[in-house]
Amino acid sequence: MWNPGFEFEKAVQAKLDGLHRSPCIYSWVHRGTPERPGIVLGLDHGGTCNGMAFRVSKDLQEQTLDYLRARELVTNVYLETTRTIELPSGEKTEAVTYIVDTEHEQYAGKLSFEKLINQIKGARGGSGPNEGYFLDTVAQLEKMNIRDELMQRIGVNLRTF
């Protein structure tokens, strides 16, 4: 949401039913290593996720998908799929999404809060520190007025670290 990494024509808030934002993935590349995994967010089954949708121009769609596949599928912990999302206007449209593969060895599932914070603190990968990833995400959610109690709790805990 805060660092899409690709050029887009428009970004709007959107709602995805049937999946929810979850800190459920051990990060071995971007926010941790195999020896010291961090935690990253994934779309896990159940609930609803309020987030962002990005419209990409037709001439950049393939390039954007190539970029997203290289970034998100580096260890194949996500499954690329197309899901129906709802835009603020009420319009429904199809969007490429990356859902966590619950059978993948990096799937952490629902960790206790203490375990979650311990995995985040001090982890660092090729894209930087794990704490920064969560603090940037919490800041973006706050900016968008999206209330996510778990993410807010993580943010409060990391800010006092």
C-alpha atoms as a PDB file:
ATOM      1  CA  MET A   1       0.000   0.000   0.000  1.00  0.00           C
ATOM      2  CA  TRP A   2       2.767   2.437   0.891  1.00  0.00           C
ATOM      3  CA  ASN A   3       5.365   1.190  -1.581  1.00  0.00           C
ATOM      4  CA  PRO A   4       3.763  -0.396  -4.650  1.00  0.00           C
ATOM      5  CA  GLY A   5       7.034  -0.258  -6.604  1.00  0.00           C
ATOM      6  CA  PHE A   6       5.397   0.216  -9.987  1.00  0.00           C
ATOM      7  CA  GLU A   7       3.863   3.029 -12.015  1.00  0.00           C
ATOM      8  CA  PHE A   8       0.098   3.310 -11.784  1.00  0.00           C
ATOM      9  CA  GLU A   9      -2.622   5.577 -13.168  1.00  0.00           C
ATOM     10  CA  LYS A  10      -4.823   5.621 -10.110  1.00  0.00           C
ATOM     11  CA  ALA A  11      -4.877   4.283  -6.550  1.00  0.00           C
ATOM     12  CA  VAL A  12      -8.100   3.950  -4.559  1.00  0.00           C
ATOM     13  CA  GLN A  13      -9.218   2.234  -1.412  1.00  0.00           C
ATOM     14  CA  ALA A  14     -10.854  -1.097  -2.074  1.00  0.00           C
ATOM     15  CA  LYS A  15     -12.476  -3.945  -0.171  1.00  0.00           C
ATOM     16  CA  LEU A  16     -11.758  -7.627  -0.695  1.00  0.00           C
ATOM     17  CA  ASP A  17     -14.164 -10.107   0.863  1.00  0.00           C
ATOM     18  CA  GLY A  18     -13.171 -13.632   1.856  1.00  0.00           C
ATOM     19  CA  LEU A  19      -9.569 -12.775   2.777  1.00  0.00           C
ATOM     20  CA  HIS A  20      -7.962 -10.719   5.530  1.00  0.00           C
ATOM     21  CA  ARG A  21      -4.622  -8.997   6.134  1.00  0.00           C
ATOM     22  CA  SER A  22      -2.530 -11.203   8.421  1.00  0.00           C
ATOM     23  CA  PRO A  23       1.060 -11.211   9.708  1.00  0.00           C
ATOM     24  CA  CYS A  24       1.298 -14.882   8.798  1.00  0.00           C
ATOM     25  CA  ILE A  25       4.399 -15.332   6.649  1.00  0.00           C
ATOM     26  CA  TYR A  26       7.986 -15.952   7.690  1.00  0.00           C
ATOM     27  CA  SER A  27      10.098 -13.666   5.510  1.00  0.00           C
ATOM     28  CA  TRP A  28      13.360 -15.207   4.325  1.00  0.00           C
ATOM     29  CA  VAL A  29      14.227 -12.614   1.681  1.00  0.00           C
ATOM     30  CA  HIS A  30      12.747  -9.117   1.993  1.00  0.00           C
ATOM     31  CA  ARG A  31      12.427  -8.667   5.795  1.00  0.00           C
ATOM     32  CA  GLY A  32      14.449 -11.531   7.201  1.00  0.00           C
ATOM     33  CA  THR A  33      16.686 -14.453   6.316  1.00  0.00           C
ATOM     34  CA  PRO A  34      16.298 -18.237   6.561  1.00  0.00           C
ATOM     35  CA  GLU A  35      18.490 -18.094   9.681  1.00  0.00           C
ATOM     36  CA  ARG A  36      16.565 -15.151  11.216  1.00  0.00           C
ATOM     37  CA  PRO A  37      13.138 -14.919   9.601  1.00  0.00           C
ATOM     38  CA  GLY A  38      11.068 -11.799   9.861  1.00  0.00           C
ATOM     39  CA  ILE A  39       7.307 -11.632   9.455  1.00  0.00           C
ATOM     40  CA  VAL A  40       5.368 -10.099   6.575  1.00  0.00           C
ATOM     41  CA  LEU A  41       1.713  -9.700   5.794  1.00  0.00           C
ATOM     42  CA  GLY A  42      -0.292 -11.980   3.596  1.00  0.00           C
ATOM     43  CA  LEU A  43      -3.881 -12.309   2.520  1.00  0.00           C
ATOM     44  CA  ASP A  44      -5.158 -15.265   4.526  1.00  0.00           C
ATOM     45  CA  HIS A  45      -8.515 -17.001   4.276  1.00  0.00           C
ATOM     46  CA  GLY A  46     -11.633 -15.567   5.897  1.00  0.00           C
ATOM     47  CA  GLY A  47     -12.876 -12.110   6.750  1.00  0.00           C
ATOM     48  CA  THR A  48     -12.468  -8.899   4.803  1.00  0.00           C
ATOM     49  CA  CYS A  49      -9.479  -6.803   3.834  1.00  0.00           C
ATOM     50  CA  ASN A  50      -9.686  -3.057   3.316  1.00  0.00           C
ATOM     51  CA  GLY A  51      -6.696  -1.801   1.381  1.00  0.00           C
ATOM     52  CA  MET A  52      -5.627  -0.295  -1.925  1.00  0.00           C
ATOM     53  CA  ALA A  53      -6.282  -1.081  -5.557  1.00  0.00           C
ATOM     54  CA  PHE A  54      -3.970   0.227  -8.260  1.00  0.00           C
ATOM     55  CA  ARG A  55      -5.003   0.762 -11.871  1.00  0.00           C
ATOM     56  CA  VAL A  56      -2.146   0.248 -14.296  1.00  0.00           C
ATOM     57  CA  SER A  57      -2.206   1.458 -17.898  1.00  0.00           C
ATOM     58  CA  LYS A  58      -2.676  -1.237 -20.528  1.00  0.00           C
ATOM     59  CA  ASP A  59       0.802  -0.691 -21.965  1.00  0.00           C
ATOM     60  CA  LEU A  60       2.409  -1.343 -18.536  1.00  0.00           C
ATOM     61  CA  GLN A  61       0.321  -4.317 -17.409  1.00  0.00           C
ATOM     62  CA  GLU A  62       2.745  -7.056 -18.509  1.00  0.00           C
ATOM     63  CA  GLN A  63       5.763  -5.182 -17.161  1.00  0.00           C
ATOM     64  CA  THR A  64       3.941  -4.626 -13.857  1.00  0.00           C
ATOM     65  CA  LEU A  65       2.960  -8.285 -13.564  1.00  0.00           C
ATOM     66  CA  ASP A  66       6.551  -9.320 -14.288  1.00  0.00           C
ATOM     67  CA  TYR A  67       7.734  -6.983 -11.518  1.00  0.00           C
ATOM     68  CA  LEU A  68       5.125  -8.233  -9.034  1.00  0.00           C
ATOM     69  CA  ARG A  69       5.878 -11.866  -9.812  1.00  0.00           C
ATOM     70  CA  ALA A  70       9.600 -11.311  -9.289  1.00  0.00           C
ATOM     71  CA  ARG A  71       8.927  -9.553  -5.968  1.00  0.00           C
ATOM     72  CA  GLU A  72       6.044 -11.589  -4.550  1.00  0.00           C
ATOM     73  CA  LEU A  73       6.774 -15.062  -5.893  1.00  0.00           C
ATOM     74  CA  VAL A  74      10.487 -15.178  -5.032  1.00  0.00           C
ATOM     75  CA  THR A  75       9.910 -18.172  -2.689  1.00  0.00           C
ATOM     76  CA  ASN A  76       6.416 -19.087  -3.947  1.00  0.00           C
ATOM     77  CA  VAL A  77       4.756 -18.480  -0.562  1.00  0.00           C
ATOM     78  CA  TYR A  78       2.007 -16.555  -2.371  1.00  0.00           C
ATOM     79  CA  LEU A  79      -0.441 -17.804  -4.954  1.00  0.00           C
ATOM     80  CA  GLU A  80      -1.291 -15.336  -7.716  1.00  0.00           C
ATOM     81  CA  THR A  81      -5.006 -15.177  -8.303  1.00  0.00           C
ATOM     82  CA  THR A  82      -7.681 -12.836  -9.574  1.00  0.00           C
ATOM     83  CA  ARG A  83     -10.399 -11.797  -7.123  1.00  0.00           C
ATOM     84  CA  THR A  84     -13.379  -9.486  -7.205  1.00  0.00           C
ATOM     85  CA  ILE A  85     -12.862  -6.276  -5.234  1.00  0.00           C
ATOM     86  CA  GLU A  86     -15.260  -3.470  -4.389  1.00  0.00           C
ATOM     87  CA  LEU A  87     -14.272   0.131  -5.091  1.00  0.00           C
ATOM     88  CA  PRO A  88     -15.511   3.153  -3.082  1.00  0.00           C
ATOM     89  CA  SER A  89     -18.131   3.837  -5.792  1.00  0.00           C
ATOM     90  CA  GLY A  90     -19.652   0.398  -5.121  1.00  0.00           C
ATOM     91  CA  GLU A  91     -18.386  -0.830  -8.491  1.00  0.00           C
ATOM     92  CA  LYS A  92     -16.929  -4.321  -8.488  1.00  0.00           C
ATOM     93  CA  THR A  93     -13.935  -5.230 -10.603  1.00  0.00           C
ATOM     94  CA  GLU A  94     -11.338  -7.958 -10.930  1.00  0.00           C
ATOM     95  CA  ALA A  95      -7.885  -7.491  -9.426  1.00  0.00           C
ATOM     96  CA  VAL A  96      -4.689  -9.522  -9.318  1.00  0.00           C
ATOM     97  CA  THR A  97      -4.049 -10.554  -5.716  1.00  0.00           C
ATOM     98  CA  TYR A  98      -1.417 -12.605  -3.925  1.00  0.00           C
ATOM     99  CA  ILE A  99      -2.848 -15.015  -1.367  1.00  0.00           C
ATOM    100  CA  VAL A 100      -0.718 -16.931   1.126  1.00  0.00           C
ATOM    101  CA  ASP A 101      -0.176 -20.602   0.345  1.00  0.00           C
ATOM    102  CA  THR A 102      -1.117 -22.197   3.674  1.00  0.00           C
ATOM    103  CA  GLU A 103       0.759 -25.366   2.694  1.00  0.00           C
ATOM    104  CA  HIS A 104       4.068 -23.513   2.178  1.00  0.00           C
ATOM    105  CA  GLU A 105       6.811 -23.934   4.795  1.00  0.00           C
ATOM    106  CA  GLN A 106       6.956 -20.147   5.269  1.00  0.00           C
ATOM    107  CA  TYR A 107       3.318 -20.008   6.375  1.00  0.00           C
ATOM    108  CA  ALA A 108       3.442 -19.029  10.044  1.00  0.00           C
ATOM    109  CA  GLY A 109      -0.299 -19.101  10.641  1.00  0.00           C
ATOM    110  CA  LYS A 110      -1.662 -17.198  13.614  1.00  0.00           C
ATOM    111  CA  LEU A 111       1.222 -16.562  16.000  1.00  0.00           C
ATOM    112  CA  SER A 112       0.839 -15.447  19.594  1.00  0.00           C
ATOM    113  CA  PHE A 113       1.379 -11.706  19.949  1.00  0.00           C
ATOM    114  CA  GLU A 114       4.591 -12.255  21.906  1.00  0.00           C
ATOM    115  CA  LYS A 115       6.007 -14.601  19.239  1.00  0.00           C
ATOM    116  CA  LEU A 116       4.945 -12.188  16.504  1.00  0.00           C
ATOM    117  CA  ILE A 117       6.732  -9.217  18.086  1.00  0.00           C
ATOM    118  CA  ASN A 118       9.844 -11.318  18.817  1.00  0.00           C
ATOM    119  CA  GLN A 119      10.018 -12.387  15.153  1.00  0.00           C
ATOM    120  CA  ILE A 120       9.658  -8.800  13.946  1.00  0.00           C
ATOM    121  CA  LYS A 121      12.145  -7.138  16.296  1.00  0.00           C
ATOM    122  CA  GLY A 122      15.682  -7.260  14.966  1.00  0.00           C
ATOM    123  CA  ALA A 123      14.855  -9.091  11.730  1.00  0.00           C
ATOM    124  CA  ARG A 124      16.323  -7.610   8.570  1.00  0.00           C
ATOM    125  CA  GLY A 125      16.280  -8.721   4.955  1.00  0.00           C
ATOM    126  CA  GLY A 126      17.188  -7.429   1.527  1.00  0.00           C
ATOM    127  CA  SER A 127      14.446  -4.772   1.660  1.00  0.00           C
ATOM    128  CA  GLY A 128      15.384  -3.508   5.118  1.00  0.00           C
ATOM    129  CA  PRO A 129      14.372  -3.919   8.741  1.00  0.00           C
ATOM    130  CA  ASN A 130      11.200  -5.768   9.633  1.00  0.00           C
ATOM    131  CA  GLU A 131      10.171  -3.089  12.148  1.00  0.00           C
ATOM    132  CA  GLY A 132      10.191  -0.456   9.392  1.00  0.00           C
ATOM    133  CA  TYR A 133       7.914  -2.581   7.206  1.00  0.00           C
ATOM    134  CA  PHE A 134       5.309  -2.782   9.948  1.00  0.00           C
ATOM    135  CA  LEU A 135       5.611   0.847  11.044  1.00  0.00           C
ATOM    136  CA  ASP A 136       5.237   2.034   7.434  1.00  0.00           C
ATOM    137  CA  THR A 137       2.198  -0.212   6.983  1.00  0.00           C
ATOM    138  CA  VAL A 138       0.596   1.007  10.221  1.00  0.00           C
ATOM    139  CA  ALA A 139       1.226   4.630   9.177  1.00  0.00           C
ATOM    140  CA  GLN A 140      -0.410   4.000   5.801  1.00  0.00           C
ATOM    141  CA  LEU A 141      -3.432   2.334   7.410  1.00  0.00           C
ATOM    142  CA  GLU A 142      -3.805   5.314   9.757  1.00  0.00           C
ATOM    143  CA  LYS A 143      -3.489   7.735   6.828  1.00  0.00           C
ATOM    144  CA  MET A 144      -6.252   5.850   5.020  1.00  0.00           C
ATOM    145  CA  ASN A 145      -8.444   5.698   8.155  1.00  0.00           C
ATOM    146  CA  ILE A 146      -8.447   1.907   8.040  1.00  0.00           C
ATOM    147  CA  ARG A 147      -8.857   0.497  11.525  1.00  0.00           C
ATOM    148  CA  ASP A 148      -6.928  -2.732  12.040  1.00  0.00           C
ATOM    149  CA  GLU A 149      -6.649  -3.513  15.747  1.00  0.00           C
ATOM    150  CA  LEU A 150      -3.819  -6.035  15.432  1.00  0.00           C
ATOM    151  CA  MET A 151      -1.746  -3.738  13.231  1.00  0.00           C
ATOM    152  CA  GLN A 152      -2.335  -0.828  15.624  1.00  0.00           C
ATOM    153  CA  ARG A 153      -1.221  -3.007  18.557  1.00  0.00           C
ATOM    154  CA  ILE A 154       1.915  -4.039  16.657  1.00  0.00           C
ATOM    155  CA  GLY A 155       2.641  -0.383  15.849  1.00  0.00           C
ATOM    156  CA  VAL A 156       2.276   0.710  19.471  1.00  0.00           C
ATOM    157  CA  ASN A 157       4.556  -2.099  20.623  1.00  0.00           C
ATOM    158  CA  LEU A 158       7.244  -1.364  18.014  1.00  0.00           C
ATOM    159  CA  ARG A 159       7.166   2.384  18.659  1.00  0.00           C
ATOM    160  CA  THR A 160       7.999   1.748  22.326  1.00  0.00           C
ATOM    161  CA  PHE A 161      10.838  -0.626  21.413  1.00  0.00           C
END
